[in-house]
PDB file of all heavy atoms in Angstrom:
ATOM      1  N   GLU A   1     -22.939-139.266  -8.462  1.00  0.00           N
ATOM      2  CA  GLU A   1     -22.106-140.429  -8.144  1.00  0.00           C
ATOM      3  C   GLU A   1     -20.829-140.011  -7.437  1.00  0.00           C
ATOM      4  O   GLU A   1     -20.351-140.686  -6.524  1.00  0.00           O
ATOM      5  CB  GLU A   1     -21.770-141.203  -9.427  1.00  0.00           C
ATOM      6  CG  GLU A   1     -22.966-141.937 -10.017  1.00  0.00           C
ATOM      7  CD  GLU A   1     -22.645-142.563 -11.373  1.00  0.00           C
ATOM      8  OE1 GLU A   1     -21.609-142.210 -11.959  1.00  0.00           O
ATOM      9  OE2 GLU A   1     -23.438-143.403 -11.832  1.00  0.00           O
ATOM     10  N   GLN A   2     -20.266-138.879  -7.870  1.00  0.00           N
ATOM     11  CA  GLN A   2     -19.033-138.398  -7.260  1.00  0.00           C
ATOM     12  C   GLN A   2     -19.286-137.784  -5.890  1.00  0.00           C
ATOM     13  O   GLN A   2     -18.434-137.806  -5.008  1.00  0.00           O
ATOM     14  CB  GLN A   2     -18.368-137.362  -8.172  1.00  0.00           C
ATOM     15  CG  GLN A   2     -17.825-137.976  -9.450  1.00  0.00           C
ATOM     16  CD  GLN A   2     -17.578-136.956 -10.532  1.00  0.00           C
ATOM     17  OE1 GLN A   2     -17.987-135.796 -10.411  1.00  0.00           O
ATOM     18  NE2 GLN A   2     -16.933-137.361 -11.604  1.00  0.00           N
ATOM     19  N   LEU A   3     -20.488-137.247  -5.720  1.00  0.00           N
ATOM     20  CA  LEU A   3     -20.812-136.549  -4.481  1.00  0.00           C
ATOM     21  C   LEU A   3     -21.185-137.514  -3.369  1.00  0.00           C
ATOM     22  O   LEU A   3     -20.801-137.344  -2.217  1.00  0.00           O
ATOM     23  CB  LEU A   3     -21.965-135.573  -4.740  1.00  0.00           C
ATOM     24  CG  LEU A   3     -22.397-134.664  -3.608  1.00  0.00           C
ATOM     25  CD1 LEU A   3     -21.269-133.713  -3.247  1.00  0.00           C
ATOM     26  CD2 LEU A   3     -23.640-133.891  -3.997  1.00  0.00           C
ATOM     27  N   VAL A   4     -21.943-138.544  -3.711  1.00  0.00           N
ATOM     28  CA  VAL A   4     -22.505-139.428  -2.696  1.00  0.00           C
ATOM     29  C   VAL A   4     -21.477-140.431  -2.204  1.00  0.00           C
ATOM     30  O   VAL A   4     -20.806-141.097  -2.979  1.00  0.00           O
ATOM     31  CB  VAL A   4     -23.744-140.163  -3.257  1.00  0.00           C
ATOM     32  CG1 VAL A   4     -24.240-141.193  -2.260  1.00  0.00           C
ATOM     33  CG2 VAL A   4     -24.848-139.170  -3.574  1.00  0.00           C
ATOM     34  N   ASP A   5     -21.381-140.536  -0.894  1.00  0.00           N
ATOM     35  CA  ASP A   5     -20.535-141.538  -0.258  1.00  0.00           C
ATOM     36  C   ASP A   5     -21.299-142.861  -0.283  1.00  0.00           C
ATOM     37  O   ASP A   5     -22.387-142.961   0.292  1.00  0.00           O
ATOM     38  CB  ASP A   5     -20.269-141.096   1.190  1.00  0.00           C
ATOM     39  CG  ASP A   5     -19.332-142.021   1.926  1.00  0.00           C
ATOM     40  OD1 ASP A   5     -19.405-143.245   1.699  1.00  0.00           O
ATOM     41  OD2 ASP A   5     -18.542-141.533   2.747  1.00  0.00           O
ATOM     42  N   PRO A   6     -20.771-143.900  -0.947  1.00  0.00           N
ATOM     43  CA  PRO A   6     -21.503-145.163  -1.049  1.00  0.00           C
ATOM     44  C   PRO A   6     -21.843-145.775   0.300  1.00  0.00           C
ATOM     45  O   PRO A   6     -22.883-146.397   0.461  1.00  0.00           O
ATOM     46  CB  PRO A   6     -20.554-146.067  -1.851  1.00  0.00           C
ATOM     47  CG  PRO A   6     -19.219-145.409  -1.787  1.00  0.00           C
ATOM     48  CD  PRO A   6     -19.477-143.950  -1.654  1.00  0.00           C
ATOM     49  N   LYS A   7     -20.974-145.589   1.287  1.00  0.00           N
ATOM     50  CA  LYS A   7     -21.254-146.116   2.624  1.00  0.00           C
ATOM     51  C   LYS A   7     -22.455-145.415   3.253  1.00  0.00           C
ATOM     52  O   LYS A   7     -23.308-146.040   3.890  1.00  0.00           O
ATOM     53  CB  LYS A   7     -20.028-145.938   3.521  1.00  0.00           C
ATOM     54  CG  LYS A   7     -18.899-146.920   3.257  1.00  0.00           C
ATOM     55  CD  LYS A   7     -19.285-148.314   3.724  1.00  0.00           C
ATOM     56  CE  LYS A   7     -18.107-149.265   3.596  1.00  0.00           C
ATOM     57  NZ  LYS A   7     -18.479-150.636   4.013  1.00  0.00           N
ATOM     58  N   LEU A   8     -22.538-144.083   3.039  1.00  0.00           N
ATOM     59  CA  LEU A   8     -23.677-143.340   3.554  1.00  0.00           C
ATOM     60  C   LEU A   8     -24.945-143.699   2.799  1.00  0.00           C
ATOM     61  O   LEU A   8     -26.036-143.749   3.376  1.00  0.00           O
ATOM     62  CB  LEU A   8     -23.422-141.830   3.450  1.00  0.00           C
ATOM     63  CG  LEU A   8     -22.381-141.260   4.411  1.00  0.00           C
ATOM     64  CD1 LEU A   8     -22.270-139.759   4.202  1.00  0.00           C
ATOM     65  CD2 LEU A   8     -22.717-141.565   5.852  1.00  0.00           C
ATOM     66  N   LEU A   9     -24.807-143.950   1.502  1.00  0.00           N
ATOM     67  CA  LEU A   9     -25.965-144.327   0.698  1.00  0.00           C
ATOM     68  C   LEU A   9     -26.541-145.647   1.206  1.00  0.00           C
ATOM     69  O   LEU A   9     -27.758-145.808   1.322  1.00  0.00           O
ATOM     70  CB  LEU A   9     -25.554-144.478  -0.773  1.00  0.00           C
ATOM     71  CG  LEU A   9     -26.690-144.719  -1.769  1.00  0.00           C
ATOM     72  CD1 LEU A   9     -27.710-143.584  -1.736  1.00  0.00           C
ATOM     73  CD2 LEU A   9     -26.132-144.873  -3.174  1.00  0.00           C
ATOM     74  N   GLU A  10     -25.673-146.581   1.530  1.00  0.00           N
ATOM     75  CA  GLU A  10     -26.114-147.857   2.110  1.00  0.00           C
ATOM     76  C   GLU A  10     -26.849-147.609   3.422  1.00  0.00           C
ATOM     77  O   GLU A  10     -27.879-148.226   3.711  1.00  0.00           O
ATOM     78  CB  GLU A  10     -24.918-148.769   2.374  1.00  0.00           C
ATOM     79  CG  GLU A  10     -24.278-149.347   1.118  1.00  0.00           C
ATOM     80  CD  GLU A  10     -23.021-150.144   1.447  1.00  0.00           C
ATOM     81  OE1 GLU A  10     -22.857-150.506   2.628  1.00  0.00           O
ATOM     82  OE2 GLU A  10     -22.219-150.385   0.532  1.00  0.00           O
ATOM     83  N   THR A  11     -26.332-146.684   4.208  1.00  0.00           N
ATOM     84  CA  THR A  11     -26.937-146.379   5.497  1.00  0.00           C
ATOM     85  C   THR A  11     -28.352-145.841   5.324  1.00  0.00           C
ATOM     86  O   THR A  11     -29.283-146.257   6.007  1.00  0.00           O
ATOM     87  CB  THR A  11     -26.085-145.334   6.253  1.00  0.00           C
ATOM     88  OG1 THR A  11     -24.771-145.857   6.424  1.00  0.00           O
ATOM     89  CG2 THR A  11     -26.671-145.025   7.617  1.00  0.00           C
ATOM     90  N   VAL A  12     -28.510-144.924   4.363  1.00  0.00           N
ATOM     91  CA  VAL A  12     -29.834-144.339   4.116  1.00  0.00           C
ATOM     92  C   VAL A  12     -30.797-145.398   3.597  1.00  0.00           C
ATOM     93  O   VAL A  12     -31.956-145.484   4.002  1.00  0.00           O
ATOM     94  CB  VAL A  12     -29.727-143.178   3.102  1.00  0.00           C
ATOM     95  CG1 VAL A  12     -31.111-142.699   2.705  1.00  0.00           C
ATOM     96  CG2 VAL A  12     -28.925-142.036   3.701  1.00  0.00           C
ATOM     97  N   GLN A  13     -30.324-146.246   2.679  1.00  0.00           N
ATOM     98  CA  GLN A  13     -31.181-147.274   2.102  1.00  0.00           C
ATOM     99  C   GLN A  13     -31.648-148.285   3.139  1.00  0.00           C
ATOM    100  O   GLN A  13     -32.712-148.858   3.026  1.00  0.00           O
ATOM    101  CB  GLN A  13     -30.437-147.992   0.979  1.00  0.00           C
ATOM    102  CG  GLN A  13     -30.242-147.124  -0.258  1.00  0.00           C
ATOM    103  CD  GLN A  13     -29.345-147.791  -1.295  1.00  0.00           C
ATOM    104  OE1 GLN A  13     -28.537-148.649  -0.984  1.00  0.00           O
ATOM    105  NE2 GLN A  13     -29.497-147.378  -2.540  1.00  0.00           N
ATOM    106  N   GLU A  14     -30.839-148.483   4.194  1.00  0.00           N
ATOM    107  CA  GLU A  14     -31.177-149.456   5.221  1.00  0.00           C
ATOM    108  C   GLU A  14     -31.971-148.847   6.372  1.00  0.00           C
ATOM    109  O   GLU A  14     -32.357-149.532   7.302  1.00  0.00           O
ATOM    110  CB  GLU A  14     -29.889-150.081   5.773  1.00  0.00           C
ATOM    111  CG  GLU A  14     -29.079-150.864   4.759  1.00  0.00           C
ATOM    112  CD  GLU A  14     -29.765-152.140   4.316  1.00  0.00           C
ATOM    113  OE1 GLU A  14     -30.571-152.673   5.097  1.00  0.00           O
ATOM    114  OE2 GLU A  14     -29.512-152.583   3.184  1.00  0.00           O
ATOM    115  N   GLU A  15     -32.218-147.548   6.288  1.00  0.00           N
ATOM    116  CA  GLU A  15     -32.784-146.846   7.444  1.00  0.00           C
ATOM    117  C   GLU A  15     -34.117-147.426   7.891  1.00  0.00           C
ATOM    118  O   GLU A  15     -34.437-147.414   9.080  1.00  0.00           O
ATOM    119  CB  GLU A  15     -32.951-145.356   7.107  1.00  0.00           C
ATOM    120  CG  GLU A  15     -33.309-144.518   8.303  1.00  0.00           C
ATOM    121  CD  GLU A  15     -33.231-143.042   8.000  1.00  0.00           C
ATOM    122  OE1 GLU A  15     -32.853-142.666   6.882  1.00  0.00           O
ATOM    123  OE2 GLU A  15     -33.568-142.261   8.898  1.00  0.00           O
ATOM    124  N   LYS A  16     -34.905-147.968   6.989  1.00  0.00           N
ATOM    125  CA  LYS A  16     -36.232-148.460   7.347  1.00  0.00           C
ATOM    126  C   LYS A  16     -36.172-149.645   8.327  1.00  0.00           C
ATOM    127  O   LYS A  16     -37.154-149.944   9.003  1.00  0.00           O
ATOM    128  CB  LYS A  16     -36.992-148.876   6.077  1.00  0.00           C
ATOM    129  CG  LYS A  16     -36.337-149.985   5.284  1.00  0.00           C
ATOM    130  CD  LYS A  16     -37.110-150.266   4.009  1.00  0.00           C
ATOM    131  CE  LYS A  16     -36.412-151.367   3.198  1.00  0.00           C
ATOM    132  NZ  LYS A  16     -37.107-151.621   1.924  1.00  0.00           N
ATOM    133  N   VAL A  17     -35.028-150.331   8.397  1.00  0.00           N
ATOM    134  CA  VAL A  17     -34.931-151.473   9.301  1.00  0.00           C
ATOM    135  C   VAL A  17     -34.239-151.085  10.607  1.00  0.00           C
ATOM    136  O   VAL A  17     -34.009-151.919  11.460  1.00  0.00           O
ATOM    137  CB  VAL A  17     -34.156-152.652   8.647  1.00  0.00           C
ATOM    138  CG1 VAL A  17     -34.863-153.109   7.385  1.00  0.00           C
ATOM    139  CG2 VAL A  17     -32.715-152.291   8.342  1.00  0.00           C
ATOM    140  N   TYR A  18     -33.896-149.827  10.772  1.00  0.00           N
ATOM    141  CA  TYR A  18     -33.225-149.385  11.989  1.00  0.00           C
ATOM    142  C   TYR A  18     -34.216-149.292  13.150  1.00  0.00           C
ATOM    143  O   TYR A  18     -35.407-149.019  12.958  1.00  0.00           O
ATOM    144  CB  TYR A  18     -32.581-148.016  11.801  1.00  0.00           C
ATOM    145  CG  TYR A  18     -31.398-148.001  10.857  1.00  0.00           C
ATOM    146  CD1 TYR A  18     -30.924-146.804  10.335  1.00  0.00           C
ATOM    147  CD2 TYR A  18     -30.744-149.171  10.499  1.00  0.00           C
ATOM    148  CE1 TYR A  18     -29.836-146.777   9.475  1.00  0.00           C
ATOM    149  CE2 TYR A  18     -29.660-149.155   9.655  1.00  0.00           C
ATOM    150  CZ  TYR A  18     -29.212-147.956   9.141  1.00  0.00           C
ATOM    151  OH  TYR A  18     -28.135-147.941   8.298  1.00  0.00           O
ATOM    152  N   SER A  19     -33.676-149.442  14.319  1.00  0.00           N
ATOM    153  CA  SER A  19     -34.488-149.227  15.514  1.00  0.00           C
ATOM    154  C   SER A  19     -34.798-147.745  15.629  1.00  0.00           C
ATOM    155  O   SER A  19     -34.146-146.896  15.011  1.00  0.00           O
ATOM    156  CB  SER A  19     -33.739-149.701  16.762  1.00  0.00           C
ATOM    157  OG  SER A  19     -32.578-148.889  16.964  1.00  0.00           O
ATOM    158  N   ALA A  20     -35.791-147.427  16.454  1.00  0.00           N
ATOM    159  CA  ALA A  20     -36.182-146.030  16.638  1.00  0.00           C
ATOM    160  C   ALA A  20     -35.012-145.209  17.192  1.00  0.00           C
ATOM    161  O   ALA A  20     -34.834-144.040  16.827  1.00  0.00           O
ATOM    162  CB  ALA A  20     -37.376-145.952  17.585  1.00  0.00           C
ATOM    163  N   GLN A  21     -34.188-145.824  18.058  1.00  0.00           N
ATOM    164  CA  GLN A  21     -33.061-145.097  18.654  1.00  0.00           C
ATOM    165  C   GLN A  21     -32.025-144.703  17.594  1.00  0.00           C
ATOM    166  O   GLN A  21     -31.520-143.580  17.602  1.00  0.00           O
ATOM    167  CB  GLN A  21     -32.370-145.946  19.736  1.00  0.00           C
ATOM    168  CG  GLN A  21     -33.235-146.197  20.963  1.00  0.00           C
ATOM    169  CD  GLN A  21     -33.810-147.590  20.931  1.00  0.00           C
ATOM    170  OE1 GLN A  21     -34.192-148.077  19.860  1.00  0.00           O
ATOM    171  NE2 GLN A  21     -33.890-148.231  22.094  1.00  0.00           N
ATOM    172  N   ILE A  22     -31.728-145.626  16.679  1.00  0.00           N
ATOM    173  CA  ILE A  22     -30.727-145.323  15.654  1.00  0.00           C
ATOM    174  C   ILE A  22     -31.263-144.304  14.660  1.00  0.00           C
ATOM    175  O   ILE A  22     -30.538-143.404  14.214  1.00  0.00           O
ATOM    176  CB  ILE A  22     -30.257-146.605  14.942  1.00  0.00           C
ATOM    177  CG1 ILE A  22     -29.549-147.528  15.926  1.00  0.00           C
ATOM    178  CG2 ILE A  22     -29.329-146.275  13.778  1.00  0.00           C
ATOM    179  CD1 ILE A  22     -28.368-146.904  16.647  1.00  0.00           C
ATOM    180  N   GLN A  23     -32.523-144.403  14.294  1.00  0.00           N
ATOM    181  CA  GLN A  23     -33.128-143.411  13.410  1.00  0.00           C
ATOM    182  C   GLN A  23     -33.052-142.026  14.057  1.00  0.00           C
ATOM    183  O   GLN A  23     -32.756-141.030  13.395  1.00  0.00           O
ATOM    184  CB  GLN A  23     -34.580-143.782  13.106  1.00  0.00           C
ATOM    185  CG  GLN A  23     -34.714-145.005  12.198  1.00  0.00           C
ATOM    186  CD  GLN A  23     -36.147-145.240  11.774  1.00  0.00           C
ATOM    187  OE1 GLN A  23     -36.850-144.309  11.384  1.00  0.00           O
ATOM    188  NE2 GLN A  23     -36.584-146.476  11.843  1.00  0.00           N
ATOM    189  N   GLU A  24     -33.317-141.977  15.350  1.00  0.00           N
ATOM    190  CA  GLU A  24     -33.255-140.694  16.065  1.00  0.00           C
ATOM    191  C   GLU A  24     -31.814-140.192  16.130  1.00  0.00           C
ATOM    192  O   GLU A  24     -31.555-138.987  16.017  1.00  0.00           O
ATOM    193  CB  GLU A  24     -33.818-140.866  17.471  1.00  0.00           C
ATOM    194  CG  GLU A  24     -33.773-139.615  18.338  1.00  0.00           C
ATOM    195  CD  GLU A  24     -34.563-138.447  17.772  1.00  0.00           C
ATOM    196  OE1 GLU A  24     -35.539-138.694  17.024  1.00  0.00           O
ATOM    197  OE2 GLU A  24     -34.193-137.282  18.046  1.00  0.00           O
ATOM    198  N   ALA A  25     -30.864-141.121  16.282  1.00  0.00           N
ATOM    199  CA  ALA A  25     -29.448-140.738  16.324  1.00  0.00           C
ATOM    200  C   ALA A  25     -29.011-140.123  14.997  1.00  0.00           C
ATOM    201  O   ALA A  25     -28.320-139.090  14.976  1.00  0.00           O
ATOM    202  CB  ALA A  25     -28.585-141.959  16.645  1.00  0.00           C
ATOM    203  N   LEU A  26     -29.403-140.740  13.871  1.00  0.00           N
ATOM    204  CA  LEU A  26     -29.038-140.217  12.545  1.00  0.00           C
ATOM    205  C   LEU A  26     -29.658-138.836  12.330  1.00  0.00           C
ATOM    206  O   LEU A  26     -29.012-137.939  11.782  1.00  0.00           O
ATOM    207  CB  LEU A  26     -29.505-141.179  11.450  1.00  0.00           C
ATOM    208  CG  LEU A  26     -28.875-142.580  11.466  1.00  0.00           C
ATOM    209  CD1 LEU A  26     -29.440-143.429  10.328  1.00  0.00           C
ATOM    210  CD2 LEU A  26     -27.363-142.502  11.375  1.00  0.00           C
ATOM    211  N   LYS A  27     -30.887-138.670  12.783  1.00  0.00           N
ATOM    212  CA  LYS A  27     -31.558-137.373  12.665  1.00  0.00           C
ATOM    213  C   LYS A  27     -30.832-136.323  13.501  1.00  0.00           C
ATOM    214  O   LYS A  27     -30.606-135.193  13.054  1.00  0.00           O
ATOM    215  CB  LYS A  27     -33.018-137.501  13.124  1.00  0.00           C
ATOM    216  CG  LYS A  27     -33.805-136.205  13.042  1.00  0.00           C
ATOM    217  CD  LYS A  27     -35.237-136.394  13.551  1.00  0.00           C
ATOM    218  CE  LYS A  27     -35.989-135.074  13.547  1.00  0.00           C
ATOM    219  NZ  LYS A  27     -37.356-135.223  14.129  1.00  0.00           N
ATOM    220  N   TYR A  28     -30.440-136.693  14.718  1.00  0.00           N
ATOM    221  CA  TYR A  28     -29.731-135.768  15.601  1.00  0.00           C
ATOM    222  C   TYR A  28     -28.401-135.340  14.991  1.00  0.00           C
ATOM    223  O   TYR A  28     -28.050-134.156  15.025  1.00  0.00           O
ATOM    224  CB  TYR A  28     -29.502-136.447  16.961  1.00  0.00           C
ATOM    225  CG  TYR A  28     -28.857-135.548  17.981  1.00  0.00           C
ATOM    226  CD1 TYR A  28     -29.627-134.748  18.816  1.00  0.00           C
ATOM    227  CD2 TYR A  28     -27.461-135.487  18.118  1.00  0.00           C
ATOM    228  CE1 TYR A  28     -29.038-133.901  19.758  1.00  0.00           C
ATOM    229  CE2 TYR A  28     -26.858-134.654  19.044  1.00  0.00           C
ATOM    230  CZ  TYR A  28     -27.657-133.861  19.864  1.00  0.00           C
ATOM    231  OH  TYR A  28     -27.061-133.021  20.783  1.00  0.00           O
ATOM    232  N   VAL A  29     -27.677-136.291  14.422  1.00  0.00           N
ATOM    233  CA  VAL A  29     -26.389-135.977  13.782  1.00  0.00           C
ATOM    234  C   VAL A  29     -26.596-134.968  12.658  1.00  0.00           C
ATOM    235  O   VAL A  29     -25.876-133.967  12.557  1.00  0.00           O
ATOM    236  CB  VAL A  29     -25.716-137.252  13.247  1.00  0.00           C
ATOM    237  CG1 VAL A  29     -24.534-136.900  12.334  1.00  0.00           C
ATOM    238  CG2 VAL A  29     -25.234-138.128  14.398  1.00  0.00           C
ATOM    239  N   ASP A  30     -27.572-135.217  11.800  1.00  0.00           N
ATOM    240  CA  ASP A  30     -27.822-134.312  10.665  1.00  0.00           C
ATOM    241  C   ASP A  30     -28.160-132.904  11.134  1.00  0.00           C
ATOM    242  O   ASP A  30     -27.746-131.924  10.514  1.00  0.00           O
ATOM    243  CB  ASP A  30     -28.972-134.858   9.814  1.00  0.00           C
ATOM    244  CG  ASP A  30     -28.474-135.650   8.632  1.00  0.00           C
ATOM    245  OD1 ASP A  30     -27.259-135.927   8.566  1.00  0.00           O
ATOM    246  OD2 ASP A  30     -29.288-136.009   7.758  1.00  0.00           O
TER     247      ASP A  30
END
């Protein structure tokens, strides 16, 4: 709970509804 950024957690949980471009962008960033 202390480690995880809630905003990032929301982002990961919503990833399935992202467009292919945004999914690729998140992967590139990581």
